[in-house]
Protein backbone atom coordinates (compact mmCIF):
# COMPACT_ATOMS: atom_id res chain seq x y z
CA MET A 1 -0.06 0.08 -0.06
CA HIS A 2 1.63 3.38 -1.04
CA ARG A 3 0.68 6.73 -0.10
CA THR A 4 1.40 9.92 -2.06
CA ILE A 5 3.33 12.42 0.29
CA GLU A 6 5.43 15.62 0.04
CA PRO A 7 8.51 15.09 2.30
CA ALA A 8 10.54 18.20 3.05
CA ILE A 9 13.77 16.25 2.25
CA LEU A 10 14.66 13.13 0.24
CA TYR A 11 17.79 11.90 1.98
CA PHE A 12 17.22 8.16 1.68
CA GLY A 13 20.67 7.15 2.73
CA THR A 14 24.18 8.12 1.43
CA PRO A 15 27.71 8.00 2.90
CA VAL A 16 28.86 11.13 4.93
CA VAL A 17 31.61 13.04 3.39
CA LEU A 18 33.94 15.44 5.39
CA ILE A 19 34.90 18.11 2.66
CA SER A 20 38.23 19.76 3.54
CA THR A 21 39.17 23.02 1.84
CA VAL A 22 41.52 26.00 2.37
CA ASN A 23 40.13 29.50 3.31
CA GLU A 24 41.27 32.76 1.87
CA ASP A 25 43.64 33.30 4.83
CA GLY A 26 45.30 29.91 4.44
CA SER A 27 43.45 28.25 7.31
CA TYR A 28 41.40 25.13 6.87
CA ASN A 29 37.63 24.43 6.75
CA LEU A 30 35.91 21.19 7.32
CA ALA A 31 32.25 20.54 6.31
CA PRO A 32 30.18 17.43 6.58
CA MET A 33 27.83 16.52 3.88
CA SER A 34 26.02 13.57 2.31
CA SER A 35 24.85 14.74 -1.18
CA ALA A 36 27.55 12.87 -3.07
CA TRP A 37 27.73 10.07 -5.69
CA TRP A 38 30.56 8.56 -7.68
CA LEU A 39 31.02 7.33 -10.99
CA GLY A 40 34.49 5.96 -11.91
CA TRP A 41 37.08 8.47 -10.58
CA ARG A 42 34.52 11.42 -10.77
CA CYS A 43 32.17 12.54 -8.16
CA LEU A 44 29.26 14.91 -8.01
CA LEU A 45 28.82 17.10 -4.91
CA GLY A 46 25.59 19.00 -4.09
CA LEU A 47 26.21 22.14 -1.99
CA ALA A 48 24.39 25.30 -0.82
CA ALA A 49 26.03 28.04 -2.79
CA SER A 50 26.12 30.50 0.35
CA SER A 51 28.29 28.08 2.25
CA LEU A 52 32.16 28.60 2.69
CA THR A 53 33.03 25.13 1.34
CA PRO A 54 31.61 25.79 -2.29
CA GLN A 55 33.29 29.32 -2.08
CA ASN A 56 36.66 27.89 -1.32
CA MET A 57 36.24 25.21 -4.05
CA LEU A 58 35.33 27.88 -6.64
CA ARG A 59 38.48 29.83 -5.60
CA THR A 60 41.03 27.12 -5.18
CA ARG A 61 39.40 24.45 -7.68
CA GLU A 62 40.37 21.55 -5.16
CA CYS A 63 39.38 19.80 -1.98
CA VAL A 64 39.58 16.53 -0.16
CA LEU A 65 36.79 14.20 0.21
CA ASN A 66 37.31 12.48 3.66
CA LEU A 67 34.95 9.48 4.27
CA PRO A 68 34.33 8.77 7.94
CA SER A 69 33.60 5.25 9.16
CA ALA A 70 30.85 4.67 11.75
CA ALA A 71 33.69 5.05 14.40
CA GLN A 72 33.93 8.66 13.73
CA ALA A 73 30.18 9.37 14.23
CA THR A 74 30.73 11.44 17.39
CA ALA A 75 33.53 13.68 15.69
CA VAL A 76 31.04 14.32 12.67
CA ASN A 77 28.28 15.12 15.01
CA ARG A 78 30.53 17.86 16.78
CA LEU A 79 30.60 19.61 13.37
CA ALA A 80 26.63 19.83 13.03
CA LYS A 81 25.14 23.12 12.75
CA THR A 82 28.45 24.97 12.52
CA THR A 83 29.62 27.21 9.54
CA GLY A 84 32.98 28.74 8.68
CA THR A 85 31.32 31.76 7.36
CA GLU A 86 31.65 34.55 10.03
CA VAL A 87 28.36 36.28 9.05
CA VAL A 88 26.05 33.16 9.38
CA PRO A 89 23.48 33.26 6.54
CA ALA A 90 19.91 33.85 7.66
CA ALA A 91 18.71 30.35 6.62
CA LYS A 92 21.36 28.81 8.80
CA LEU A 93 20.74 31.17 11.68
CA ARG A 94 17.10 29.94 11.57
CA ARG A 95 18.32 26.37 11.96
CA GLY A 96 20.53 27.12 14.91
CA TYR A 97 23.97 27.17 13.10
CA ARG A 98 26.99 29.12 14.71
CA PHE A 99 30.30 30.31 13.37
CA VAL A 100 33.35 28.15 14.26
CA ARG A 101 36.81 29.26 13.15
CA ASP A 102 38.67 26.05 13.68
CA LYS A 103 36.44 22.98 12.86
CA PHE A 104 39.28 20.39 13.02
CA ALA A 105 39.87 21.31 16.71
CA LEU A 106 36.07 21.41 17.51
CA ALA A 107 35.60 17.86 15.95
CA GLY A 108 38.80 16.52 17.57
CA LEU A 109 40.13 15.55 14.21
CA THR A 110 43.75 15.89 12.80
CA PRO A 111 44.72 17.67 9.50
CA GLU A 112 47.53 16.13 7.53
CA PRO A 113 49.22 17.26 4.33
CA SER A 114 47.93 15.91 1.02
CA GLU A 115 50.15 14.70 -1.83
CA ILE A 116 48.55 16.71 -4.70
CA VAL A 117 46.26 19.50 -3.39
CA ALA A 118 46.72 22.01 -0.76
CA ALA A 119 43.69 21.12 1.17
CA PRO A 120 44.52 18.72 4.20
CA ARG A 121 43.41 15.23 4.59
CA VAL A 122 41.60 14.02 7.84
CA ARG A 123 43.95 11.49 9.59
CA GLU A 124 41.25 9.69 11.33
CA CYS A 125 39.08 8.95 8.14
CA PRO A 126 39.77 5.53 6.55
CA VAL A 127 39.27 6.97 3.09
CA GLN A 128 40.68 10.13 1.79
CA LEU A 129 40.21 11.40 -1.74
CA GLU A 130 42.22 14.24 -3.14
CA ALA A 131 40.17 15.93 -5.82
CA THR A 132 40.18 18.87 -8.30
CA VAL A 133 37.07 20.82 -9.57
CA GLU A 134 36.33 19.98 -13.10
CA ALA A 135 32.99 21.78 -13.58
CA VAL A 136 30.21 23.53 -11.63
CA HIS A 137 26.67 23.26 -12.40
CA PRO A 138 23.81 25.55 -11.05
CA LEU A 139 20.87 23.69 -9.92
CA ALA A 140 17.11 24.55 -10.12
CA GLU A 141 17.64 27.23 -12.73
CA ASN A 142 13.99 26.96 -13.89
CA ASP A 143 12.72 27.57 -10.25
CA LEU A 144 12.56 31.30 -9.34
CA THR A 145 12.26 30.49 -5.66
CA ALA A 146 15.49 28.16 -5.68
CA ARG A 147 17.53 29.77 -8.36
CA GLY A 148 21.10 30.46 -7.20
CA ARG A 149 20.94 28.74 -4.05
CA GLN A 150 22.51 25.32 -4.82
CA LEU A 151 25.56 24.19 -6.94
CA ALA A 152 26.64 20.85 -8.16
CA PHE A 153 30.34 20.35 -8.34
CA GLU A 154 31.93 17.77 -10.57
CA VAL A 155 35.23 16.93 -9.21
CA ARG A 156 38.04 14.53 -10.38
CA ILE A 157 39.71 12.23 -7.76
CA ARG A 158 43.36 12.65 -8.08
CA CYS A 159 44.86 10.56 -5.40
CA VAL A 160 43.29 7.85 -3.25
CA HIS A 161 44.45 7.18 0.25
CA ILE A 162 42.88 4.00 2.04
CA GLU A 163 43.42 2.74 5.61
CA GLU A 164 45.31 -0.66 5.37
CA SER A 165 42.77 -2.36 7.66
CA ILE A 166 40.02 -2.19 5.03
CA LEU A 167 42.07 -3.35 1.98
CA MET A 168 41.19 -6.66 0.57
CA GLU A 169 43.69 -9.47 1.37
CA GLY A 170 45.99 -10.09 -1.48
CA GLU A 171 44.55 -7.19 -3.51
CA PRO A 172 46.55 -4.06 -2.88
CA ASN A 173 44.21 -1.77 -4.91
CA ARG A 174 40.80 -3.05 -3.73
CA VAL A 175 38.75 -2.07 -0.76
CA ASP A 176 37.13 -5.06 1.00
CA PRO A 177 33.31 -4.08 1.52
CA ASP A 178 33.16 -6.63 4.28
CA LYS A 179 35.54 -4.47 6.28
CA TRP A 180 34.51 -1.11 5.17
CA ARG A 181 31.83 0.53 7.46
CA PRO A 182 30.89 3.84 5.97
CA LEU A 183 29.08 6.28 8.23
CA ILE A 184 25.51 6.70 6.53
CA MET A 185 23.20 9.64 6.81
CA SER A 186 19.51 8.88 6.18
CA PHE A 187 16.88 11.63 6.91
CA GLN A 188 19.37 13.39 9.11
CA LYS A 189 20.23 10.47 11.21
CA PHE A 190 23.31 8.34 11.50
CA TYR A 191 23.44 4.74 10.55
CA GLN A 192 25.95 2.00 9.58
CA LEU A 193 25.93 -1.06 7.38
CA ALA A 194 25.23 -4.47 9.03
CA PRO A 195 27.90 -7.13 8.53
CA GLY A 196 27.61 -9.44 5.61
CA GLN A 197 25.97 -9.30 2.25
CA VAL A 198 22.14 -9.39 2.09
CA HIS A 199 22.21 -11.41 -1.13
CA GLU A 200 24.74 -12.69 -3.71
CA SER A 201 25.41 -9.98 -6.50
CA ARG A 202 25.82 -11.03 -10.13
CA LEU A 203 27.42 -7.82 -10.82
CA ALA A 204 30.29 -8.79 -8.43
CA GLU A 205 31.04 -11.50 -10.94
CA ILE A 206 32.76 -8.77 -13.18
CA SER A 207 36.28 -8.07 -12.27
CA GLU A 208 36.75 -4.52 -10.86
CA ALA A 209 39.80 -4.07 -13.24
CA LEU A 210 37.30 -4.02 -16.21
CA TYR A 211 35.91 -0.67 -14.94
CA ARG A 212 39.32 1.12 -14.79
CA GLY A 213 39.36 4.19 -16.95
């Protein structure tokens, strides 16, 4: 039995990403988000245009996508309702956001140098993806009430750093999905993957190497 409804949001469940960028004064910004999806070594990121992260990405054309595991949920939660923008946008003020200059310190996370980009990696995150901005697409251009408020960034992954504990045994370039436990955001709440597959996958019969571009 289905019902027709109009939910305020449609976040059915995606991995949390901590995006690290460089501010104009050389300091670092760190922002949690979950509107992200990957295809090959490209990723599309949906961000509010007024936030500091997209402004930094437009200026520097780079970032690091740090993927926390369920073990980092507490650290990610400390960043909730914070912004690196000194003058907090009105929409964020209504939602209870506050300005925080050093988000790494607030979250108890550690910045470490990247190999290719200037933005730092988050040491505690098992997955760290250095990326450069390839294109920026405005969203909802045909909606007068939403035009200019959201941007979709296409980024290219340039360097992948993976914690050894989640690598597949005997496969130096593969992540073991039975070991990797990403932090999942679904309708503003944190979840994690249950151990084991729910069903055999025919797609898994195809070698990952055949997808390499």
